[in-house]
Structure formats: C-alpha cells, structure tokens
Protein backbone atom coordinates (compact mmCIF):
# COMPACT_ATOMS: atom_id res chain seq x y z
CA UNK A 1 9.66 -4.25 4.73
CA UNK A 2 12.51 -2.02 4.35
CA UNK A 3 15.25 -4.04 5.60
CA UNK A 4 14.48 -6.78 3.23
CA UNK A 5 15.72 -6.71 -0.33
CA UNK A 6 13.42 -9.02 -1.50
CA UNK A 7 10.43 -7.60 -1.06
CA UNK A 8 12.30 -3.94 -1.46
CA UNK A 9 12.49 -5.15 -5.29
CA UNK A 10 9.35 -6.81 -5.23
CA UNK A 11 7.71 -3.23 -4.37
CA UNK A 12 9.77 -1.38 -6.93
CA UNK A 13 8.58 -3.79 -9.44
CA UNK A 14 5.37 -3.65 -8.89
CA UNK A 15 4.96 0.36 -9.41
CA UNK A 16 7.40 0.46 -12.21
CA UNK A 17 5.70 -1.98 -14.28
CA UNK A 18 6.14 0.09 -17.77
CA UNK A 19 1.93 1.35 -17.83
CA UNK A 20 0.22 4.47 -15.29
CA UNK A 21 -3.13 1.62 -15.10
CA UNK A 22 -0.09 -1.81 -14.96
CA UNK A 23 1.81 0.32 -11.94
CA UNK A 24 -1.85 1.27 -10.09
CA UNK A 25 -2.86 -1.76 -9.87
CA UNK A 26 -0.30 -3.82 -9.40
CA UNK A 27 1.75 -1.58 -7.08
CA UNK A 28 -1.69 -0.86 -5.30
CA UNK A 29 -2.21 -4.65 -5.05
CA UNK A 30 1.52 -5.17 -3.51
CA UNK A 31 0.92 -2.11 -0.94
CA UNK A 32 -2.14 -3.92 0.21
CA UNK A 33 -1.83 -7.19 1.03
CA UNK A 34 2.08 -7.60 0.81
CA UNK A 35 2.70 -7.41 4.31
CA UNK A 36 0.50 -10.77 4.51
CA UNK A 37 1.92 -12.63 2.50
CA UNK A 38 4.17 -16.05 3.12
CA UNK A 39 6.66 -17.91 1.36
CA UNK A 40 4.24 -19.10 -1.35
CA UNK A 41 2.01 -16.28 -1.97
CA UNK A 42 6.08 -14.45 -2.42
CA UNK A 43 6.58 -16.78 -5.34
CA UNK A 44 2.92 -16.32 -6.63
CA UNK A 45 3.62 -13.04 -6.84
CA UNK A 46 6.82 -12.82 -8.16
CA UNK A 47 5.56 -15.02 -10.77
CA UNK A 48 2.53 -13.21 -11.22
CA UNK A 49 4.79 -9.50 -12.26
CA UNK A 50 6.24 -11.47 -14.68
CA UNK A 51 2.96 -11.85 -17.34
CA UNK A 52 2.39 -8.81 -19.92
CA UNK A 53 0.83 -5.73 -18.71
CA UNK A 54 -2.29 -6.57 -20.65
CA UNK A 55 -2.78 -9.62 -19.88
CA UNK A 56 -3.21 -8.14 -16.07
CA UNK A 57 -5.04 -5.49 -16.57
CA UNK A 58 -6.91 -7.51 -19.14
CA UNK A 59 -7.51 -10.16 -16.14
CA UNK A 60 -8.04 -6.63 -13.62
CA UNK A 61 -11.03 -5.75 -15.75
CA UNK A 62 -12.29 -9.44 -17.11
CA UNK A 63 -12.01 -8.62 -20.53
CA UNK A 64 -10.63 -11.86 -20.75
CA UNK A 65 -10.40 -14.57 -18.84
CA UNK A 66 -8.03 -15.48 -16.27
CA UNK A 67 -5.98 -18.53 -16.98
CA UNK A 68 -6.24 -21.43 -14.92
CA UNK A 69 -2.42 -21.09 -13.88
CA UNK A 70 -3.38 -18.15 -12.01
CA UNK A 71 -6.90 -19.22 -10.13
CA UNK A 72 -6.93 -19.12 -6.30
CA UNK A 73 -6.95 -16.88 -3.59
CA UNK A 74 -4.55 -14.32 -4.40
CA UNK A 75 -5.93 -13.40 -7.80
CA UNK A 76 -9.53 -13.68 -6.38
CA UNK A 77 -8.27 -10.45 -4.08
CA UNK A 78 -6.45 -9.11 -6.78
CA UNK A 79 -9.70 -9.24 -9.24
CA UNK A 80 -11.89 -7.25 -6.26
CA UNK A 81 -9.41 -4.20 -6.93
CA UNK A 82 -10.72 -2.20 -4.33
CA UNK A 83 -7.40 -1.48 -3.30
CA UNK A 84 -6.63 1.11 -6.31
CA UNK A 85 -6.93 4.44 -5.41
CA UNK A 86 -9.08 6.31 -8.15
CA UNK A 87 -7.45 9.98 -7.32
CA UNK A 88 -9.58 13.13 -8.96
C-alpha cells in the first residue's frame, strides 16, 4: 500500500474524518479490510467517505436506517463493528 497513492489518500481520509468516533469506525474499517478490496470495493469506499459522519455513525449504531444504495456486503462488514478496537 505504501507505493499506492490512491490507498494512501484513502487511508488518510478514513482516519481524518472530523470526529473521533468516525475516525475509529471508518479508519478501523479501512485498516481491517482494504487489503482484500477489488476495484468495485474501492469505488464503494471512496463514495462512502463522502457521506456525513453523523449518518455513518447513525448507520453503525443502528439509530438510523441504512439507505438502499449502501446495502450489500461492504456495509454488512461495516455494521459488524468488530474491527473497532476499544482502548481502556
């Protein structure tokens, strides 16, 4: 990934969302899954990062429904939240 400018840019955007909660969820998701993404998955994630943090967190917590355009395997993995490390 270090020599791939697109992935470096996506990693930066994923970890610099604007809120700590979104940084951990979007950044953690990127860290856990990016190595296995194909071009369609990368395109999905780039579009996903254009969404508002409040919406992303709402979907993750189940407080607002996930719009149909985001439903599918990528969102299914995101909603598990098993990639978020909780530090004490």
